[in-house]
């Protein structure tokens, strides 16, 4: 039996976790919680929003909050997780705070993007009205819609 596993967690934009010498992994899918040890049979499952945790041969549990994903164990030595978003933490309390901060940051970014989109839209409309208003031989644009 192999003594360690390589764990990789990737998102579309980054590699969130890349660990070797992992001796135990715990995760959760729709059927419930499960564990993976070195030498486990090939395995594939869909993960919901959950916390993945793992332990190296010498060290405490480490954690990564996942926003959905696919976990695959292959060859008894490699676990790959592909997910939409991952936030890594060293303990559950700090991980929870980090997740909430990440959510708040995403909400703020979306709010700013909507505001900027509205501003750009209004600028474009004003520019179109200005251009159309001067191209009708001096007639106001409103007269064309009567």
Protein backbone atom coordinates (compact mmCIF):
# COMPACT_ATOMS: atom_id res chain seq x y z
CA UNK A 1 0.00 0.00 0.00
CA UNK A 2 1.24 3.48 -0.88
CA UNK A 3 2.02 5.70 2.10
CA UNK A 4 1.01 9.12 0.76
CA UNK A 5 -1.29 10.90 -1.66
CA UNK A 6 -0.80 14.01 -3.79
CA UNK A 7 -3.73 16.42 -3.41
CA UNK A 8 -4.47 19.15 -5.94
CA UNK A 9 -7.40 21.58 -5.80
CA UNK A 10 -7.85 23.80 -8.85
CA UNK A 11 -10.26 26.55 -9.81
CA UNK A 12 -10.64 28.05 -13.28
CA UNK A 13 -8.16 30.79 -12.31
CA UNK A 14 -5.70 29.22 -9.87
CA UNK A 15 -4.25 26.20 -8.14
CA UNK A 16 -5.59 26.60 -4.60
CA UNK A 17 -3.93 23.53 -3.07
CA UNK A 18 -0.99 21.43 -4.21
CA UNK A 19 0.16 19.12 -1.41
CA UNK A 20 2.25 15.99 -1.33
CA UNK A 21 2.71 13.58 1.57
CA UNK A 22 -1.03 13.65 2.40
CA UNK A 23 -2.06 10.66 4.50
CA UNK A 24 -5.79 11.29 5.00
CA UNK A 25 -8.52 13.21 3.19
CA UNK A 26 -12.10 13.88 4.29
CA UNK A 27 -14.82 15.30 2.03
CA UNK A 28 -18.59 15.34 1.65
CA UNK A 29 -20.89 14.66 -1.28
CA UNK A 30 -24.68 14.15 -1.51
CA UNK A 31 -24.41 10.71 0.07
CA UNK A 32 -22.60 12.09 3.12
CA UNK A 33 -19.07 12.34 4.44
CA UNK A 34 -16.32 10.00 3.30
CA UNK A 35 -12.60 9.50 3.75
CA UNK A 36 -9.78 8.62 1.39
CA UNK A 37 -6.51 6.98 2.36
CA UNK A 38 -3.46 6.12 0.25
CA UNK A 39 -4.17 3.06 -1.90
CA UNK A 40 -7.93 3.72 -2.12
CA UNK A 41 -9.65 2.40 -5.25
CA UNK A 42 -10.28 4.82 -8.11
CA UNK A 43 -13.12 7.09 -7.14
CA UNK A 44 -15.12 9.93 -8.72
CA UNK A 45 -17.80 12.07 -7.07
CA UNK A 46 -19.52 15.44 -7.28
CA UNK A 47 -18.99 17.75 -4.32
CA UNK A 48 -21.45 20.41 -3.24
CA UNK A 49 -20.51 23.49 -1.27
CA UNK A 50 -18.44 21.91 1.49
CA UNK A 51 -15.16 21.82 3.36
CA UNK A 52 -12.38 19.51 2.21
CA UNK A 53 -9.88 18.59 4.89
CA UNK A 54 -6.61 16.70 4.82
CA UNK A 55 -3.74 15.73 7.03
CA UNK A 56 -0.11 15.25 6.15
CA UNK A 57 2.05 12.61 7.81
CA UNK A 58 3.28 15.17 10.31
CA UNK A 59 0.91 18.03 11.00
CA UNK A 60 -2.59 19.18 11.86
CA UNK A 61 -5.67 19.08 9.68
CA UNK A 62 -5.78 21.66 6.91
CA UNK A 63 -8.97 22.93 5.29
CA UNK A 64 -10.30 24.27 2.02
CA UNK A 65 -13.85 25.56 1.52
CA UNK A 66 -15.17 24.52 -1.89
CA UNK A 67 -18.00 25.95 -3.95
CA UNK A 68 -19.04 22.79 -5.74
CA UNK A 69 -16.70 20.60 -7.73
CA UNK A 70 -15.56 17.18 -8.88
CA UNK A 71 -13.24 14.99 -6.83
CA UNK A 72 -11.28 12.20 -8.49
CA UNK A 73 -8.98 9.67 -6.85
CA UNK A 74 -6.87 7.71 -9.29
CA UNK A 75 -4.07 5.24 -8.98
CA UNK A 76 -4.42 5.23 -5.20
CA UNK A 77 -1.89 8.06 -5.07
CA UNK A 78 -3.51 11.15 -6.57
CA UNK A 79 -6.59 13.15 -5.62
CA UNK A 80 -7.63 15.97 -7.94
CA UNK A 81 -10.43 18.39 -7.16
CA UNK A 82 -11.73 20.79 -9.80
CA UNK A 83 -14.09 23.39 -8.38
CA UNK A 84 -15.57 26.79 -9.12
CA UNK A 85 -14.01 28.48 -6.14
CA UNK A 86 -11.75 27.43 -3.27
CA UNK A 87 -10.70 29.24 -0.10
CA UNK A 88 -7.90 27.67 1.92
CA UNK A 89 -7.51 27.99 5.69
CA UNK A 90 -5.53 26.45 8.50
CA UNK A 91 -8.39 26.14 10.98
CA UNK A 92 -12.18 26.18 10.70
CA UNK A 93 -12.71 29.46 12.56
CA UNK A 94 -10.35 31.46 10.35
CA UNK A 95 -11.65 29.65 7.26
CA UNK A 96 -15.21 30.72 8.06
CA UNK A 97 -14.11 34.34 8.44
CA UNK A 98 -12.18 34.13 5.16
CA UNK A 99 -15.18 32.68 3.31
CA UNK A 100 -17.46 35.47 4.58
CA UNK A 101 -14.86 38.07 3.60
CA UNK A 102 -14.59 36.53 0.12
CA UNK A 103 -18.38 36.60 -0.27
CA UNK A 104 -18.50 40.25 0.86
CA UNK A 105 -15.72 41.15 -1.60
CA UNK A 106 -17.60 39.45 -4.45
CA UNK A 107 -20.81 41.32 -3.59
CA UNK A 108 -18.94 44.64 -3.51
CA UNK A 109 -17.22 43.91 -6.83
CA UNK A 110 -20.56 43.01 -8.46
CA UNK A 111 -22.14 46.19 -7.09
CA UNK A 112 -19.28 48.31 -8.45
CA UNK A 113 -19.48 46.57 -11.83
CA UNK A 114 -23.23 47.24 -12.07
CA UNK A 115 -22.66 50.89 -11.15
CA UNK A 116 -19.92 51.26 -13.77
CA UNK A 117 -22.07 49.51 -16.39
CA UNK A 118 -24.95 51.92 -15.68
CA UNK A 119 -22.62 54.91 -15.92
CA UNK A 120 -21.19 53.70 -19.26
CA UNK A 121 -24.68 53.02 -20.61
CA UNK A 122 -25.86 56.52 -19.69
CA UNK A 123 -22.75 58.06 -21.30
CA UNK A 124 -23.38 56.11 -24.51
CA UNK A 125 -27.03 57.16 -24.64
CA UNK A 126 -26.12 60.82 -24.08
CA UNK A 127 -23.53 60.60 -26.85
CA UNK A 128 -26.05 59.02 -29.26
CA UNK A 129 -28.65 61.66 -28.49
CA UNK A 130 -26.09 64.41 -29.01
CA UNK A 131 -24.98 62.90 -32.35
CA UNK A 132 -28.50 62.26 -33.60
CA UNK A 133 -29.70 65.65 -32.41
CA UNK A 134 -27.21 67.52 -34.62
CA UNK A 135 -27.68 65.43 -37.76
CA UNK A 136 -31.30 66.36 -38.52
CA UNK A 137 -30.79 69.74 -40.16
CA UNK A 138 -31.29 71.65 -36.96
CA UNK A 139 -34.57 69.94 -36.03
CA UNK A 140 -34.81 68.54 -32.50
CA UNK A 141 -34.69 64.73 -32.38
CA UNK A 142 -38.10 64.58 -30.69
CA UNK A 143 -39.78 65.92 -33.85
CA UNK A 144 -38.76 62.78 -35.77
CA UNK A 145 -40.91 60.63 -33.46
CA UNK A 146 -44.17 62.59 -33.84
